[in-house]
Amino acid sequence: MELRYFSAGKSLALDTGSCIGCGRCVEVCPHAVFSINDRLAAIEVRDRCMECGACGRNCPTGAITVKSGVGCAFAIINGMVSGKEPSCDCDGPESPRKNRKACC
């Protein structure tokens, strides 16, 4: 079964000009979003990205950016775990993203 979270993995970005081809993104990504092609990272299947942020936190050159920890992926996973309807709750009083720009 193919895991897919979003259409076009909203916040994931890769700057191949900054990539050194170390392969850390391939090692840490839990859903095989990345591959190494011609000694550089490549986004293999963007829709597999759940925006966990492991790739961006482990990229030594900052070539990968992704917004993680809140937003749609967090809402979907939290909804599954809690059995409630997924909600980004960007504007709620408990929201960690309160006073930030668009959540989802």
PDB file of N, CA and C in Angstrom:
ATOM      1  N   MET A   1       0.834  -1.172   0.000  1.00  0.00           N
ATOM      2  CA  MET A   1       0.000   0.000   0.000  1.00  0.00           C
ATOM      3  C   MET A   1       0.886   1.244   0.000  1.00  0.00           C
ATOM      4  N   GLU A   2       0.585   2.173  -0.867  1.00  0.00           N
ATOM      5  CA  GLU A   2       1.339   3.416  -1.007  1.00  0.00           C
ATOM      6  C   GLU A   2       0.806   4.459  -0.036  1.00  0.00           C
ATOM      7  N   LEU A   3       1.675   5.017   0.820  1.00  0.00           N
ATOM      8  CA  LEU A   3       1.276   6.067   1.742  1.00  0.00           C
ATOM      9  C   LEU A   3       1.341   7.411   1.044  1.00  0.00           C
ATOM     10  N   ARG A   4       0.248   8.146   1.099  1.00  0.00           N
ATOM     11  CA  ARG A   4       0.209   9.489   0.527  1.00  0.00           C
ATOM     12  C   ARG A   4      -0.562  10.373   1.479  1.00  0.00           C
ATOM     13  N   TYR A   5      -0.003  11.529   1.802  1.00  0.00           N
ATOM     14  CA  TYR A   5      -0.586  12.397   2.807  1.00  0.00           C
ATOM     15  C   TYR A   5      -1.256  13.631   2.234  1.00  0.00           C
ATOM     16  N   PHE A   6      -0.633  14.273   1.286  1.00  0.00           N
ATOM     17  CA  PHE A   6      -1.150  15.507   0.708  1.00  0.00           C
ATOM     18  C   PHE A   6      -0.951  15.433  -0.780  1.00  0.00           C
ATOM     19  N   SER A   7      -1.697  16.241  -1.499  1.00  0.00           N
ATOM     20  CA  SER A   7      -1.330  16.364  -2.898  1.00  0.00           C
ATOM     21  C   SER A   7      -0.253  17.437  -2.949  1.00  0.00           C
ATOM     22  N   ALA A   8       0.872  17.101  -3.436  1.00  0.00           N
ATOM     23  CA  ALA A   8       2.021  17.979  -3.630  1.00  0.00           C
ATOM     24  C   ALA A   8       2.679  18.466  -2.351  1.00  0.00           C
ATOM     25  N   GLY A   9       2.718  17.696  -1.273  1.00  0.00           N
ATOM     26  CA  GLY A   9       3.439  17.999  -0.026  1.00  0.00           C
ATOM     27  C   GLY A   9       3.692  19.461   0.221  1.00  0.00           C
ATOM     28  N   LYS A  10       2.739  20.171   0.633  1.00  0.00           N
ATOM     29  CA  LYS A  10       2.637  21.625   0.698  1.00  0.00           C
ATOM     30  C   LYS A  10       3.925  22.400   0.983  1.00  0.00           C
ATOM     31  N   SER A  11       4.619  22.129   2.050  1.00  0.00           N
ATOM     32  CA  SER A  11       5.723  23.017   2.428  1.00  0.00           C
ATOM     33  C   SER A  11       7.119  22.486   2.102  1.00  0.00           C
ATOM     34  N   LEU A  12       7.236  21.290   1.579  1.00  0.00           N
ATOM     35  CA  LEU A  12       8.542  20.685   1.284  1.00  0.00           C
ATOM     36  C   LEU A  12       9.219  21.384   0.107  1.00  0.00           C
ATOM     37  N   ALA A  13      10.466  21.809   0.318  1.00  0.00           N
ATOM     38  CA  ALA A  13      11.236  22.441  -0.754  1.00  0.00           C
ATOM     39  C   ALA A  13      12.678  21.939  -0.705  1.00  0.00           C
ATOM     40  N   LEU A  14      13.259  21.749  -1.870  1.00  0.00           N
ATOM     41  CA  LEU A  14      14.637  21.283  -2.001  1.00  0.00           C
ATOM     42  C   LEU A  14      15.395  22.224  -2.919  1.00  0.00           C
ATOM     43  N   ASP A  15      16.490  22.773  -2.416  1.00  0.00           N
ATOM     44  CA  ASP A  15      17.368  23.636  -3.207  1.00  0.00           C
ATOM     45  C   ASP A  15      18.552  22.792  -3.656  1.00  0.00           C
ATOM     46  N   THR A  16      18.487  22.277  -4.871  1.00  0.00           N
ATOM     47  CA  THR A  16      19.555  21.387  -5.353  1.00  0.00           C
ATOM     48  C   THR A  16      20.886  22.116  -5.483  1.00  0.00           C
ATOM     49  N   GLY A  17      20.870  23.434  -5.599  1.00  0.00           N
ATOM     50  CA  GLY A  17      22.109  24.208  -5.653  1.00  0.00           C
ATOM     51  C   GLY A  17      22.882  24.175  -4.347  1.00  0.00           C
ATOM     52  N   SER A  18      22.186  23.940  -3.242  1.00  0.00           N
ATOM     53  CA  SER A  18      22.837  23.865  -1.932  1.00  0.00           C
ATOM     54  C   SER A  18      23.125  22.430  -1.496  1.00  0.00           C
ATOM     55  N   CYS A  19      22.558  21.461  -2.196  1.00  0.00           N
ATOM     56  CA  CYS A  19      22.709  20.051  -1.824  1.00  0.00           C
ATOM     57  C   CYS A  19      24.135  19.563  -2.086  1.00  0.00           C
ATOM     58  N   ILE A  20      24.670  18.791  -1.130  1.00  0.00           N
ATOM     59  CA  ILE A  20      26.006  18.203  -1.298  1.00  0.00           C
ATOM     60  C   ILE A  20      25.927  16.687  -1.516  1.00  0.00           C
ATOM     61  N   GLY A  21      24.715  16.147  -1.573  1.00  0.00           N
ATOM     62  CA  GLY A  21      24.537  14.724  -1.858  1.00  0.00           C
ATOM     63  C   GLY A  21      24.932  13.795  -0.736  1.00  0.00           C
ATOM     64  N   CYS A  22      24.848  14.260   0.507  1.00  0.00           N
ATOM     65  CA  CYS A  22      25.279  13.437   1.642  1.00  0.00           C
ATOM     66  C   CYS A  22      24.348  12.256   1.916  1.00  0.00           C
ATOM     67  N   GLY A  23      23.089  12.363   1.503  1.00  0.00           N
ATOM     68  CA  GLY A  23      22.147  11.265   1.683  1.00  0.00           C
ATOM     69  C   GLY A  23      21.437  11.229   3.022  1.00  0.00           C
ATOM     70  N   ARG A  24      21.649  12.229   3.863  1.00  0.00           N
ATOM     71  CA  ARG A  24      20.979  12.265   5.168  1.00  0.00           C
ATOM     72  C   ARG A  24      19.478  12.237   5.018  1.00  0.00           C
ATOM     73  N   CYS A  25      18.930  12.966   4.039  1.00  0.00           N
ATOM     74  CA  CYS A  25      17.485  13.017   3.828  1.00  0.00           C
ATOM     75  C   CYS A  25      16.929  11.623   3.538  1.00  0.00           C
ATOM     76  N   VAL A  26      17.660  10.859   2.752  1.00  0.00           N
ATOM     77  CA  VAL A  26      17.241   9.483   2.433  1.00  0.00           C
ATOM     78  C   VAL A  26      17.252   8.634   3.698  1.00  0.00           C
ATOM     79  N   GLU A  27      18.264   8.808   4.526  1.00  0.00           N
ATOM     80  CA  GLU A  27      18.393   8.028   5.770  1.00  0.00           C
ATOM     81  C   GLU A  27      17.294   8.329   6.772  1.00  0.00           C
ATOM     82  N   VAL A  28      16.915   9.593   6.934  1.00  0.00           N
ATOM     83  CA  VAL A  28      15.991   9.969   8.007  1.00  0.00           C
ATOM     84  C   VAL A  28      14.525  10.033   7.604  1.00  0.00           C
ATOM     85  N   CYS A  29      14.228  10.089   6.337  1.00  0.00           N
ATOM     86  CA  CYS A  29      12.832  10.207   5.894  1.00  0.00           C
ATOM     87  C   CYS A  29      12.086   8.897   6.140  1.00  0.00           C
ATOM     88  N   PRO A  30      11.000   8.938   6.934  1.00  0.00           N
ATOM     89  CA  PRO A  30      10.280   7.701   7.247  1.00  0.00           C
ATOM     90  C   PRO A  30       9.430   7.162   6.100  1.00  0.00           C
ATOM     91  N   HIS A  31       9.263   7.941   5.031  1.00  0.00           N
ATOM     92  CA  HIS A  31       8.391   7.495   3.944  1.00  0.00           C
ATOM     93  C   HIS A  31       9.040   7.514   2.565  1.00  0.00           C
ATOM     94  N   ALA A  32      10.354   7.467   2.520  1.00  0.00           N
ATOM     95  CA  ALA A  32      11.103   7.373   1.255  1.00  0.00           C
ATOM     96  C   ALA A  32      10.698   8.450   0.244  1.00  0.00           C
ATOM     97  N   VAL A  33      10.642   9.681   0.710  1.00  0.00           N
ATOM     98  CA  VAL A  33      10.313  10.796  -0.165  1.00  0.00           C
ATOM     99  C   VAL A  33      11.498  11.123  -1.071  1.00  0.00           C
ATOM    100  N   PHE A  34      12.723  10.920  -0.569  1.00  0.00           N
ATOM    101  CA  PHE A  34      13.928  11.334  -1.280  1.00  0.00           C
ATOM    102  C   PHE A  34      14.706  10.172  -1.879  1.00  0.00           C
ATOM    103  N   SER A  35      15.501  10.500  -2.881  1.00  0.00           N
ATOM    104  CA  SER A  35      16.485   9.577  -3.435  1.00  0.00           C
ATOM    105  C   SER A  35      17.721  10.403  -3.770  1.00  0.00           C
ATOM    106  N   ILE A  36      18.806   9.723  -4.051  1.00  0.00           N
ATOM    107  CA  ILE A  36      20.021  10.402  -4.509  1.00  0.00           C
ATOM    108  C   ILE A  36      20.195  10.036  -5.982  1.00  0.00           C
ATOM    109  N   ASN A  37      20.200  11.061  -6.817  1.00  0.00           N
ATOM    110  CA  ASN A  37      20.372  10.880  -8.256  1.00  0.00           C
ATOM    111  C   ASN A  37      21.505  11.780  -8.720  1.00  0.00           C
ATOM    112  N   ASP A  38      22.451  11.230  -9.433  1.00  0.00           N
ATOM    113  CA  ASP A  38      23.595  12.009  -9.918  1.00  0.00           C
ATOM    114  C   ASP A  38      24.264  12.804  -8.798  1.00  0.00           C
ATOM    115  N   ARG A  39      24.426  12.161  -7.636  1.00  0.00           N
ATOM    116  CA  ARG A  39      25.104  12.724  -6.467  1.00  0.00           C
ATOM    117  C   ARG A  39      24.390  13.909  -5.821  1.00  0.00           C
ATOM    118  N   LEU A  40      23.101  14.045  -6.077  1.00  0.00           N
ATOM    119  CA  LEU A  40      22.303  15.096  -5.446  1.00  0.00           C
ATOM    120  C   LEU A  40      20.978  14.509  -4.970  1.00  0.00           C
ATOM    121  N   ALA A  41      20.422  15.101  -3.927  1.00  0.00           N
ATOM    122  CA  ALA A  41      19.109  14.668  -3.453  1.00  0.00           C
ATOM    123  C   ALA A  41      18.043  15.046  -4.473  1.00  0.00           C
ATOM    124  N   ALA A  42      17.020  14.228  -4.517  1.00  0.00           N
ATOM    125  CA  ALA A  42      15.873  14.499  -5.384  1.00  0.00           C
ATOM    126  C   ALA A  42      14.611  14.109  -4.623  1.00  0.00           C
ATOM    127  N   ILE A  43      13.546  14.849  -4.850  1.00  0.00           N
ATOM    128  CA  ILE A  43      12.260  14.484  -4.270  1.00  0.00           C
ATOM    129  C   ILE A  43      11.661  13.420  -5.175  1.00  0.00           C
ATOM    130  N   GLU A  44      11.590  12.217  -4.655  1.00  0.00           N
ATOM    131  CA  GLU A  44      11.114  11.065  -5.423  1.00  0.00           C
ATOM    132  C   GLU A  44       9.592  11.083  -5.549  1.00  0.00           C
ATOM    133  N   VAL A  45       8.877  11.133  -4.426  1.00  0.00           N
ATOM    134  CA  VAL A  45       7.412  11.172  -4.429  1.00  0.00           C
ATOM    135  C   VAL A  45       6.960  12.174  -3.367  1.00  0.00           C
ATOM    136  N   ARG A  46       6.694  13.393  -3.787  1.00  0.00           N
ATOM    137  CA  ARG A  46       6.322  14.489  -2.882  1.00  0.00           C
ATOM    138  C   ARG A  46       5.082  14.150  -2.055  1.00  0.00           C
ATOM    139  N   ASP A  47       4.130  13.438  -2.630  1.00  0.00           N
ATOM    140  CA  ASP A  47       2.884  13.132  -1.932  1.00  0.00           C
ATOM    141  C   ASP A  47       3.061  12.190  -0.738  1.00  0.00           C
ATOM    142  N   ARG A  48       4.209  11.570  -0.603  1.00  0.00           N
ATOM    143  CA  ARG A  48       4.472  10.734   0.573  1.00  0.00           C
ATOM    144  C   ARG A  48       4.837  11.565   1.799  1.00  0.00           C
ATOM    145  N   CYS A  49       5.208  12.816   1.594  1.00  0.00           N
ATOM    146  CA  CYS A  49       5.697  13.674   2.675  1.00  0.00           C
ATOM    147  C   CYS A  49       4.600  13.974   3.684  1.00  0.00           C
ATOM    148  N   MET A  50       4.884  13.700   4.962  1.00  0.00           N
ATOM    149  CA  MET A  50       3.937  14.024   6.024  1.00  0.00           C
ATOM    150  C   MET A  50       4.392  15.242   6.813  1.00  0.00           C
ATOM    151  N   GLU A  51       5.364  15.943   6.269  1.00  0.00           N
ATOM    152  CA  GLU A  51       5.886  17.181   6.840  1.00  0.00           C
ATOM    153  C   GLU A  51       6.347  17.019   8.293  1.00  0.00           C
ATOM    154  N   CYS A  52       7.042  15.926   8.576  1.00  0.00           N
ATOM    155  CA  CYS A  52       7.544  15.690   9.939  1.00  0.00           C
ATOM    156  C   CYS A  52       8.750  16.565  10.246  1.00  0.00           C
ATOM    157  N   GLY A  53       9.520  16.962   9.224  1.00  0.00           N
ATOM    158  CA  GLY A  53      10.652  17.849   9.397  1.00  0.00           C
ATOM    159  C   GLY A  53      11.995  17.184   9.594  1.00  0.00           C
ATOM    160  N   ALA A  54      12.037  15.852   9.622  1.00  0.00           N
ATOM    161  CA  ALA A  54      13.302  15.154   9.856  1.00  0.00           C
ATOM    162  C   ALA A  54      14.338  15.503   8.793  1.00  0.00           C
ATOM    163  N   CYS A  55      13.921  15.614   7.566  1.00  0.00           N
ATOM    164  CA  CYS A  55      14.861  15.910   6.480  1.00  0.00           C
ATOM    165  C   CYS A  55      15.489  17.287   6.655  1.00  0.00           C
ATOM    166  N   GLY A  56      14.676  18.293   6.905  1.00  0.00           N
ATOM    167  CA  GLY A  56      15.179  19.656   7.069  1.00  0.00           C
ATOM    168  C   GLY A  56      16.077  19.815   8.276  1.00  0.00           C
ATOM    169  N   ARG A  57      15.715  19.164   9.388  1.00  0.00           N
ATOM    170  CA  ARG A  57      16.531  19.262  10.606  1.00  0.00           C
ATOM    171  C   ARG A  57      17.876  18.571  10.452  1.00  0.00           C
ATOM    172  N   ASN A  58      17.961  17.593   9.572  1.00  0.00           N
ATOM    173  CA  ASN A  58      19.201  16.834   9.414  1.00  0.00           C
ATOM    174  C   ASN A  58      20.022  17.223   8.190  1.00  0.00           C
ATOM    175  N   CYS A  59      19.537  18.135   7.392  1.00  0.00           N
ATOM    176  CA  CYS A  59      20.285  18.563   6.206  1.00  0.00           C
ATOM    177  C   CYS A  59      21.400  19.515   6.639  1.00  0.00           C
ATOM    178  N   PRO A  60      22.664  19.137   6.441  1.00  0.00           N
ATOM    179  CA  PRO A  60      23.773  19.959   6.931  1.00  0.00           C
ATOM    180  C   PRO A  60      23.934  21.289   6.208  1.00  0.00           C
ATOM    181  N   THR A  61      23.379  21.429   5.017  1.00  0.00           N
ATOM    182  CA  THR A  61      23.539  22.671   4.270  1.00  0.00           C
ATOM    183  C   THR A  61      22.266  23.513   4.230  1.00  0.00           C
ATOM    184  N   GLY A  62      21.183  22.996   4.788  1.00  0.00           N
ATOM    185  CA  GLY A  62      19.921  23.728   4.745  1.00  0.00           C
ATOM    186  C   GLY A  62      19.255  23.704   3.383  1.00  0.00           C
ATOM    187  N   ALA A  63      19.616  22.725   2.566  1.00  0.00           N
ATOM    188  CA  ALA A  63      19.046  22.614   1.224  1.00  0.00           C
ATOM    189  C   ALA A  63      17.579  22.205   1.250  1.00  0.00           C
ATOM    190  N   ILE A  64      17.143  21.608   2.349  1.00  0.00           N
ATOM    191  CA  ILE A  64      15.759  21.158   2.470  1.00  0.00           C
ATOM    192  C   ILE A  64      15.051  22.001   3.517  1.00  0.00           C
ATOM    193  N   THR A  65      13.900  22.514   3.140  1.00  0.00           N
ATOM    194  CA  THR A  65      13.063  23.232   4.088  1.00  0.00           C
ATOM    195  C   THR A  65      11.675  22.610   4.081  1.00  0.00           C
ATOM    196  N   VAL A  66      11.092  22.548   5.267  1.00  0.00           N
ATOM    197  CA  VAL A  66       9.741  22.026   5.422  1.00  0.00           C
ATOM    198  C   VAL A  66       9.183  22.561   6.734  1.00  0.00           C
ATOM    199  N   LYS A  67       7.946  22.968   6.730  1.00  0.00           N
ATOM    200  CA  LYS A  67       7.296  23.417   7.958  1.00  0.00           C
ATOM    201  C   LYS A  67       6.783  22.174   8.662  1.00  0.00           C
ATOM    202  N   SER A  68       7.170  22.000   9.906  1.00  0.00           N
ATOM    203  CA  SER A  68       6.804  20.777  10.606  1.00  0.00           C
ATOM    204  C   SER A  68       6.223  21.039  11.980  1.00  0.00           C
ATOM    205  N   GLY A  69       5.595  20.008  12.534  1.00  0.00           N
ATOM    206  CA  GLY A  69       5.130  20.069  13.911  1.00  0.00           C
ATOM    207  C   GLY A  69       3.715  20.534  14.103  1.00  0.00           C
ATOM    208  N   VAL A  70       3.206  21.284  13.181  1.00  0.00           N
ATOM    209  CA  VAL A  70       1.823  21.750  13.233  1.00  0.00           C
ATOM    210  C   VAL A  70       1.313  21.845  11.808  1.00  0.00           C
ATOM    211  N   GLY A  71       0.038  22.062  11.704  1.00  0.00           N
ATOM    212  CA  GLY A  71      -0.535  22.175  10.373  1.00  0.00           C
ATOM    213  C   GLY A  71      -1.231  20.905   9.975  1.00  0.00           C
ATOM    214  N   CYS A  72      -1.350  20.701   8.694  1.00  0.00           N
ATOM    215  CA  CYS A  72      -2.188  19.624   8.167  1.00  0.00           C
ATOM    216  C   CYS A  72      -1.727  18.227   8.557  1.00  0.00           C
ATOM    217  N   ALA A  73      -0.435  17.927   8.440  1.00  0.00           N
ATOM    218  CA  ALA A  73       0.043  16.585   8.807  1.00  0.00           C
ATOM    219  C   ALA A  73      -0.218  16.329  10.277  1.00  0.00           C
ATOM    220  N   PHE A  74       0.097  17.299  11.100  1.00  0.00           N
ATOM    221  CA  PHE A  74      -0.132  17.180  12.534  1.00  0.00           C
ATOM    222  C   PHE A  74      -1.623  16.971  12.807  1.00  0.00           C
ATOM    223  N   ALA A  75      -2.477  17.735  12.125  1.00  0.00           N
ATOM    224  CA  ALA A  75      -3.920  17.626  12.335  1.00  0.00           C
ATOM    225  C   ALA A  75      -4.437  16.254  11.940  1.00  0.00           C
ATOM    226  N   ILE A  76      -3.976  15.737  10.830  1.00  0.00           N
ATOM    227  CA  ILE A  76      -4.435  14.427  10.359  1.00  0.00           C
ATOM    228  C   ILE A  76      -4.003  13.330  11.327  1.00  0.00           C
ATOM    229  N   ILE A  77      -2.746  13.346  11.722  1.00  0.00           N
ATOM    230  CA  ILE A  77      -2.240  12.318  12.640  1.00  0.00           C
ATOM    231  C   ILE A  77      -2.923  12.435  13.996  1.00  0.00           C
ATOM    232  N   ASN A  78      -3.055  13.652  14.504  1.00  0.00           N
ATOM    233  CA  ASN A  78      -3.712  13.868  15.784  1.00  0.00           C
ATOM    234  C   ASN A  78      -5.172  13.412  15.736  1.00  0.00           C
ATOM    235  N   GLY A  79      -5.845  13.666  14.625  1.00  0.00           N
ATOM    236  CA  GLY A  79      -7.228  13.227  14.447  1.00  0.00           C
ATOM    237  C   GLY A  79      -7.348  11.709  14.459  1.00  0.00           C
ATOM    238  N   MET A  80      -6.394  11.029  13.813  1.00  0.00           N
ATOM    239  CA  MET A  80      -6.399   9.558  13.801  1.00  0.00           C
ATOM    240  C   MET A  80      -6.204   9.003  15.211  1.00  0.00           C
ATOM    241  N   VAL A  81      -5.243   9.570  15.924  1.00  0.00           N
ATOM    242  CA  VAL A  81      -4.917   9.092  17.265  1.00  0.00           C
ATOM    243  C   VAL A  81      -6.053   9.363  18.245  1.00  0.00           C
ATOM    244  N   SER A  82      -6.649  10.546  18.158  1.00  0.00           N
ATOM    245  CA  SER A  82      -7.688  10.928  19.114  1.00  0.00           C
ATOM    246  C   SER A  82      -9.083  10.457  18.717  1.00  0.00           C
ATOM    247  N   GLY A  83      -9.240  10.043  17.463  1.00  0.00           N
ATOM    248  CA  GLY A  83     -10.552   9.628  16.984  1.00  0.00           C
ATOM    249  C   GLY A  83     -11.472  10.795  16.696  1.00  0.00           C
ATOM    250  N   LYS A  84     -10.908  12.004  16.657  1.00  0.00           N
ATOM    251  CA  LYS A  84     -11.696  13.205  16.394  1.00  0.00           C
ATOM    252  C   LYS A  84     -11.463  13.676  14.967  1.00  0.00           C
ATOM    253  N   GLU A  85     -12.295  14.591  14.533  1.00  0.00           N
ATOM    254  CA  GLU A  85     -12.146  15.193  13.214  1.00  0.00           C
ATOM    255  C   GLU A  85     -10.841  15.987  13.163  1.00  0.00           C
ATOM    256  N   PRO A  86     -10.009  15.797  12.134  1.00  0.00           N
ATOM    257  CA  PRO A  86      -8.771  16.564  12.031  1.00  0.00           C
ATOM    258  C   PRO A  86      -9.058  18.066  11.976  1.00  0.00           C
ATOM    259  N   SER A  87      -8.280  18.836  12.730  1.00  0.00           N
ATOM    260  CA  SER A  87      -8.434  20.282  12.735  1.00  0.00           C
ATOM    261  C   SER A  87      -7.064  20.925  12.911  1.00  0.00           C
ATOM    262  N   CYS A  88      -6.751  21.863  12.052  1.00  0.00           N
ATOM    263  CA  CYS A  88      -5.484  22.590  12.179  1.00  0.00           C
ATOM    264  C   CYS A  88      -5.510  23.519  13.378  1.00  0.00           C
ATOM    265  N   ASP A  89      -6.677  23.966  13.765  1.00  0.00           N
ATOM    266  CA  ASP A  89      -6.859  24.827  14.928  1.00  0.00           C
ATOM    267  C   ASP A  89      -5.833  25.958  14.969  1.00  0.00           C
ATOM    268  N   CYS A  90      -5.653  26.602  13.844  1.00  0.00           N
ATOM    269  CA  CYS A  90      -4.648  27.660  13.748  1.00  0.00           C
ATOM    270  C   CYS A  90      -4.976  28.871  14.598  1.00  0.00           C
ATOM    271  N   ASP A  91      -6.243  29.101  14.870  1.00  0.00           N
ATOM    272  CA  ASP A  91      -6.623  30.310  15.574  1.00  0.00           C
ATOM    273  C   ASP A  91      -7.154  30.047  16.981  1.00  0.00           C
ATOM    274  N   GLY A  92      -7.171  28.779  17.401  1.00  0.00           N
ATOM    275  CA  GLY A  92      -7.697  28.434  18.714  1.00  0.00           C
ATOM    276  C   GLY A  92      -6.791  28.909  19.834  1.00  0.00           C
ATOM    277  N   PRO A  93      -7.305  29.010  21.066  1.00  0.00           N
ATOM    278  CA  PRO A  93      -6.511  29.514  22.191  1.00  0.00           C
ATOM    279  C   PRO A  93      -5.321  28.632  22.547  1.00  0.00           C
ATOM    280  N   GLU A  94      -5.383  27.340  22.233  1.00  0.00           N
ATOM    281  CA  GLU A  94      -4.285  26.422  22.545  1.00  0.00           C
ATOM    282  C   GLU A  94      -3.326  26.252  21.371  1.00  0.00           C
ATOM    283  N   SER A  95      -3.593  26.933  20.285  1.00  0.00           N
ATOM    284  CA  SER A  95      -2.830  26.726  19.064  1.00  0.00           C
ATOM    285  C   SER A  95      -1.380  27.169  19.187  1.00  0.00           C
ATOM    286  N   PRO A  96      -0.429  26.264  18.885  1.00  0.00           N
ATOM    287  CA  PRO A  96       0.974  26.665  18.897  1.00  0.00           C
ATOM    288  C   PRO A  96       1.295  27.600  17.733  1.00  0.00           C
ATOM    289  N   ARG A  97       0.409  27.680  16.748  1.00  0.00           N
ATOM    290  CA  ARG A  97       0.647  28.542  15.594  1.00  0.00           C
ATOM    291  C   ARG A  97      -0.080  29.866  15.717  1.00  0.00           C
ATOM    292  N   LYS A  98      -0.646  30.135  16.866  1.00  0.00           N
ATOM    293  CA  LYS A  98      -1.362  31.398  17.050  1.00  0.00           C
ATOM    294  C   LYS A  98      -0.434  32.552  16.712  1.00  0.00           C
ATOM    295  N   ASN A  99      -0.971  33.519  16.024  1.00  0.00           N
ATOM    296  CA  ASN A  99      -0.242  34.703  15.575  1.00  0.00           C
ATOM    297  C   ASN A  99       0.761  34.400  14.470  1.00  0.00           C
ATOM    298  N   ARG A 100       0.634  33.268  13.819  1.00  0.00           N
ATOM    299  CA  ARG A 100       1.479  32.978  12.657  1.00  0.00           C
ATOM    300  C   ARG A 100       0.627  33.023  11.405  1.00  0.00           C
ATOM    301  N   LYS A 101       1.278  33.021  10.259  1.00  0.00           N
ATOM    302  CA  LYS A 101       0.555  33.046   8.989  1.00  0.00           C
ATOM    303  C   LYS A 101      -0.091  31.691   8.734  1.00  0.00           C
ATOM    304  N   ALA A 102      -0.808  31.584   7.657  1.00  0.00           N
ATOM    305  CA  ALA A 102      -1.652  30.436   7.316  1.00  0.00           C
ATOM    306  C   ALA A 102      -1.095  29.099   7.782  1.00  0.00           C
ATOM    307  N   CYS A 103      -1.958  28.335   8.381  1.00  0.00           N
ATOM    308  CA  CYS A 103      -1.588  27.038   8.956  1.00  0.00           C
ATOM    309  C   CYS A 103      -1.558  25.957   7.896  1.00  0.00           C
ATOM    310  N   CYS A 104      -2.576  25.839   7.116  1.00  0.00           N
ATOM    311  CA  CYS A 104      -2.683  24.736   6.158  1.00  0.00           C
ATOM    312  C   CYS A 104      -2.599  25.219   4.731  1.00  0.00           C
TER     313      CYS A 104
END
